[in-house]
């Protein structure tokens, strides 16, 4: 016969699982990566602000994407 699964988890096991899950979410992002994103964001902002043609939307999209990547990297620390 097949063994039936049990749903008997004690508090200590649940705490251990929560601790493991929360530590697995924490990823350290190197300061070099953040510096690189910051420099790229500054360059993209300068380029977007200087834009006067029809392609300005593309320039601002790049600013948004780099900004989002930087924000995501900062929130992983």
N, C-alpha and C. Protein backbone atom coordinates (compact mmCIF):
# COMPACT_ATOMS: atom_id res chain seq x y z
N UNK A 1 0.82 -1.19 0.00
CA UNK A 1 0.00 0.00 0.00
C UNK A 1 0.87 1.25 0.00
N UNK A 2 0.30 2.33 -0.50
CA UNK A 2 1.01 3.60 -0.53
C UNK A 2 0.97 4.25 0.84
N UNK A 3 2.07 4.84 1.19
CA UNK A 3 2.11 5.59 2.44
C UNK A 3 1.32 6.87 2.27
N UNK A 4 0.48 7.16 3.21
CA UNK A 4 -0.29 8.41 3.14
C UNK A 4 0.54 9.54 3.73
N UNK A 5 0.56 10.69 3.04
CA UNK A 5 1.32 11.82 3.58
C UNK A 5 0.68 12.34 4.86
N UNK A 6 1.51 12.83 5.72
CA UNK A 6 1.00 13.40 6.96
C UNK A 6 1.10 14.92 6.89
N UNK A 7 0.23 15.58 7.55
CA UNK A 7 0.24 17.03 7.60
C UNK A 7 0.67 17.52 8.97
N UNK A 8 1.43 16.72 9.67
CA UNK A 8 1.86 17.06 11.01
C UNK A 8 3.19 17.81 10.96
N UNK A 9 3.11 19.15 10.96
CA UNK A 9 4.30 19.98 11.00
C UNK A 9 4.30 20.71 12.33
N UNK A 10 5.39 20.61 13.03
CA UNK A 10 5.44 21.33 14.30
C UNK A 10 5.91 22.77 14.06
N UNK A 11 5.81 23.58 15.07
CA UNK A 11 6.14 24.99 14.97
C UNK A 11 7.61 25.19 14.60
N UNK A 12 8.48 24.39 15.16
CA UNK A 12 9.91 24.52 14.86
C UNK A 12 10.20 24.26 13.39
N UNK A 13 9.55 23.27 12.82
CA UNK A 13 9.75 22.96 11.40
C UNK A 13 9.26 24.12 10.54
N UNK A 14 8.11 24.68 10.89
CA UNK A 14 7.59 25.83 10.14
C UNK A 14 8.52 27.03 10.23
N UNK A 15 9.07 27.27 11.40
CA UNK A 15 10.01 28.39 11.55
C UNK A 15 11.27 28.16 10.73
N UNK A 16 11.75 26.92 10.72
CA UNK A 16 12.94 26.61 9.93
C UNK A 16 12.67 26.81 8.44
N UNK A 17 11.49 26.42 7.99
CA UNK A 17 11.13 26.60 6.59
C UNK A 17 11.01 28.08 6.24
N UNK A 18 10.40 28.86 7.11
CA UNK A 18 10.28 30.30 6.89
C UNK A 18 11.65 30.96 6.84
N UNK A 19 12.52 30.57 7.74
CA UNK A 19 13.86 31.13 7.78
C UNK A 19 14.63 30.79 6.50
N UNK A 20 14.53 29.55 6.07
CA UNK A 20 15.22 29.13 4.84
C UNK A 20 14.67 29.88 3.63
N UNK A 21 13.37 30.05 3.57
CA UNK A 21 12.76 30.74 2.44
C UNK A 21 13.16 32.21 2.41
N UNK A 22 13.17 32.86 3.56
CA UNK A 22 13.52 34.28 3.57
C UNK A 22 15.00 34.50 3.26
N UNK A 23 15.87 33.61 3.71
CA UNK A 23 17.28 33.78 3.40
C UNK A 23 17.56 33.46 1.95
N UNK A 24 16.77 32.60 1.34
CA UNK A 24 16.96 32.27 -0.08
C UNK A 24 16.61 33.46 -0.96
N UNK A 25 15.74 34.35 -0.49
CA UNK A 25 15.34 35.51 -1.27
C UNK A 25 16.39 36.61 -1.24
N UNK A 26 17.26 36.60 -0.25
CA UNK A 26 18.24 37.66 -0.11
C UNK A 26 19.44 37.37 -1.00
N UNK A 27 19.70 38.30 -1.92
CA UNK A 27 20.83 38.17 -2.83
C UNK A 27 21.63 39.45 -2.72
N UNK A 28 22.90 39.31 -2.50
CA UNK A 28 23.74 40.50 -2.41
C UNK A 28 24.16 40.92 -3.81
N UNK A 29 23.89 42.17 -4.14
CA UNK A 29 24.28 42.72 -5.42
C UNK A 29 25.57 43.49 -5.20
N UNK A 30 26.55 43.25 -6.05
CA UNK A 30 27.83 43.91 -5.87
C UNK A 30 27.69 45.41 -6.09
N UNK A 31 28.49 46.16 -5.39
CA UNK A 31 28.46 47.61 -5.55
C UNK A 31 28.91 47.99 -6.95
N UNK A 32 29.73 47.16 -7.59
CA UNK A 32 30.15 47.43 -8.97
C UNK A 32 28.94 47.41 -9.90
N UNK A 33 28.05 46.47 -9.69
CA UNK A 33 26.84 46.37 -10.51
C UNK A 33 25.98 47.62 -10.33
N UNK A 34 25.81 48.06 -9.09
CA UNK A 34 25.01 49.26 -8.83
C UNK A 34 25.67 50.50 -9.43
N UNK A 35 26.98 50.59 -9.32
CA UNK A 35 27.70 51.73 -9.90
C UNK A 35 27.54 51.74 -11.42
N UNK A 36 27.61 50.57 -12.01
CA UNK A 36 27.45 50.45 -13.46
C UNK A 36 26.05 50.89 -13.89
N UNK A 37 25.04 50.45 -13.16
CA UNK A 37 23.67 50.84 -13.47
C UNK A 37 23.45 52.33 -13.27
N UNK A 38 24.05 52.86 -12.22
CA UNK A 38 23.92 54.29 -11.95
C UNK A 38 24.54 55.12 -13.06
N UNK A 39 25.72 54.72 -13.52
CA UNK A 39 26.39 55.43 -14.62
C UNK A 39 25.58 55.33 -15.90
N UNK A 40 25.04 54.15 -16.17
CA UNK A 40 24.22 53.96 -17.36
C UNK A 40 22.95 54.81 -17.28
N UNK A 41 22.37 54.90 -16.11
CA UNK A 41 21.16 55.70 -15.92
C UNK A 41 21.45 57.18 -16.15
N UNK A 42 22.57 57.67 -15.62
CA UNK A 42 22.94 59.07 -15.82
C UNK A 42 23.14 59.37 -17.30
N UNK A 43 23.82 58.47 -18.01
CA UNK A 43 24.07 58.66 -19.44
C UNK A 43 22.75 58.64 -20.22
N UNK A 44 21.86 57.72 -19.87
CA UNK A 44 20.57 57.63 -20.55
C UNK A 44 19.72 58.87 -20.29
N UNK A 45 19.77 59.39 -19.06
CA UNK A 45 19.03 60.62 -18.73
C UNK A 45 19.54 61.81 -19.53
N UNK A 46 20.86 61.94 -19.62
CA UNK A 46 21.43 63.04 -20.39
C UNK A 46 21.01 62.95 -21.85
N UNK A 47 21.06 61.75 -22.39
CA UNK A 47 20.68 61.53 -23.77
C UNK A 47 19.20 61.83 -24.00
N UNK A 48 18.35 61.39 -23.08
CA UNK A 48 16.91 61.62 -23.22
C UNK A 48 16.57 63.11 -23.10
N UNK A 49 17.24 63.80 -22.18
CA UNK A 49 16.98 65.24 -22.01
C UNK A 49 17.43 66.04 -23.22
N UNK A 50 18.49 65.58 -23.89
CA UNK A 50 19.03 66.28 -25.04
C UNK A 50 18.24 65.96 -26.32
N UNK A 51 17.41 64.95 -26.27
CA UNK A 51 16.66 64.51 -27.45
C UNK A 51 15.64 65.56 -27.88
N UNK A 52 15.60 65.83 -29.19
CA UNK A 52 14.62 66.78 -29.73
C UNK A 52 13.87 66.20 -30.92
N UNK A 53 14.23 65.01 -31.37
CA UNK A 53 13.60 64.43 -32.55
C UNK A 53 12.44 63.53 -32.20
N UNK A 54 12.05 62.73 -33.18
CA UNK A 54 10.92 61.83 -33.02
C UNK A 54 11.25 60.58 -32.21
N UNK A 55 12.53 60.30 -32.01
CA UNK A 55 12.94 59.09 -31.30
C UNK A 55 13.08 59.29 -29.79
N UNK A 56 12.56 60.35 -29.26
CA UNK A 56 12.71 60.63 -27.83
C UNK A 56 12.02 59.57 -26.97
N UNK A 57 10.95 58.99 -27.44
CA UNK A 57 10.26 57.96 -26.66
C UNK A 57 11.19 56.77 -26.41
N UNK A 58 11.99 56.45 -27.40
CA UNK A 58 12.94 55.34 -27.25
C UNK A 58 13.98 55.68 -26.19
N UNK A 59 14.43 56.93 -26.20
CA UNK A 59 15.42 57.37 -25.20
C UNK A 59 14.84 57.28 -23.79
N UNK A 60 13.60 57.73 -23.62
CA UNK A 60 12.98 57.70 -22.29
C UNK A 60 12.65 56.27 -21.87
N UNK A 61 12.37 55.40 -22.81
CA UNK A 61 12.13 53.98 -22.50
C UNK A 61 13.40 53.36 -21.93
N UNK A 62 14.54 53.73 -22.50
CA UNK A 62 15.83 53.23 -21.99
C UNK A 62 16.04 53.70 -20.55
N UNK A 63 15.69 54.95 -20.28
CA UNK A 63 15.81 55.49 -18.92
C UNK A 63 14.95 54.68 -17.96
N UNK A 64 13.72 54.40 -18.36
CA UNK A 64 12.81 53.63 -17.50
C UNK A 64 13.33 52.21 -17.25
N UNK A 65 13.84 51.57 -18.29
CA UNK A 65 14.34 50.19 -18.13
C UNK A 65 15.56 50.14 -17.22
N UNK A 66 16.48 51.07 -17.39
CA UNK A 66 17.68 51.09 -16.54
C UNK A 66 17.31 51.42 -15.11
N UNK A 67 16.38 52.36 -14.95
CA UNK A 67 15.93 52.74 -13.62
C UNK A 67 15.27 51.56 -12.91
N UNK A 68 14.47 50.81 -13.63
CA UNK A 68 13.81 49.63 -13.05
C UNK A 68 14.84 48.58 -12.66
N UNK A 69 15.84 48.37 -13.51
CA UNK A 69 16.89 47.39 -13.20
C UNK A 69 17.67 47.81 -11.96
N UNK A 70 17.95 49.11 -11.86
CA UNK A 70 18.69 49.62 -10.70
C UNK A 70 17.86 49.45 -9.43
N UNK A 71 16.59 49.77 -9.52
CA UNK A 71 15.69 49.62 -8.36
C UNK A 71 15.60 48.17 -7.93
N UNK A 72 15.49 47.28 -8.87
CA UNK A 72 15.41 45.85 -8.58
C UNK A 72 16.70 45.37 -7.91
N UNK A 73 17.84 45.84 -8.41
CA UNK A 73 19.13 45.45 -7.83
C UNK A 73 19.28 45.98 -6.42
N UNK A 74 18.83 47.21 -6.18
CA UNK A 74 18.93 47.80 -4.84
C UNK A 74 18.04 47.06 -3.84
N UNK A 75 16.90 46.62 -4.28
CA UNK A 75 15.96 45.94 -3.38
C UNK A 75 16.37 44.51 -3.07
N UNK A 76 17.35 43.99 -3.74
CA UNK A 76 17.83 42.63 -3.46
C UNK A 76 18.83 42.61 -2.33
N UNK A 77 19.38 43.75 -1.98
CA UNK A 77 20.36 43.79 -0.88
C UNK A 77 19.73 43.46 0.44
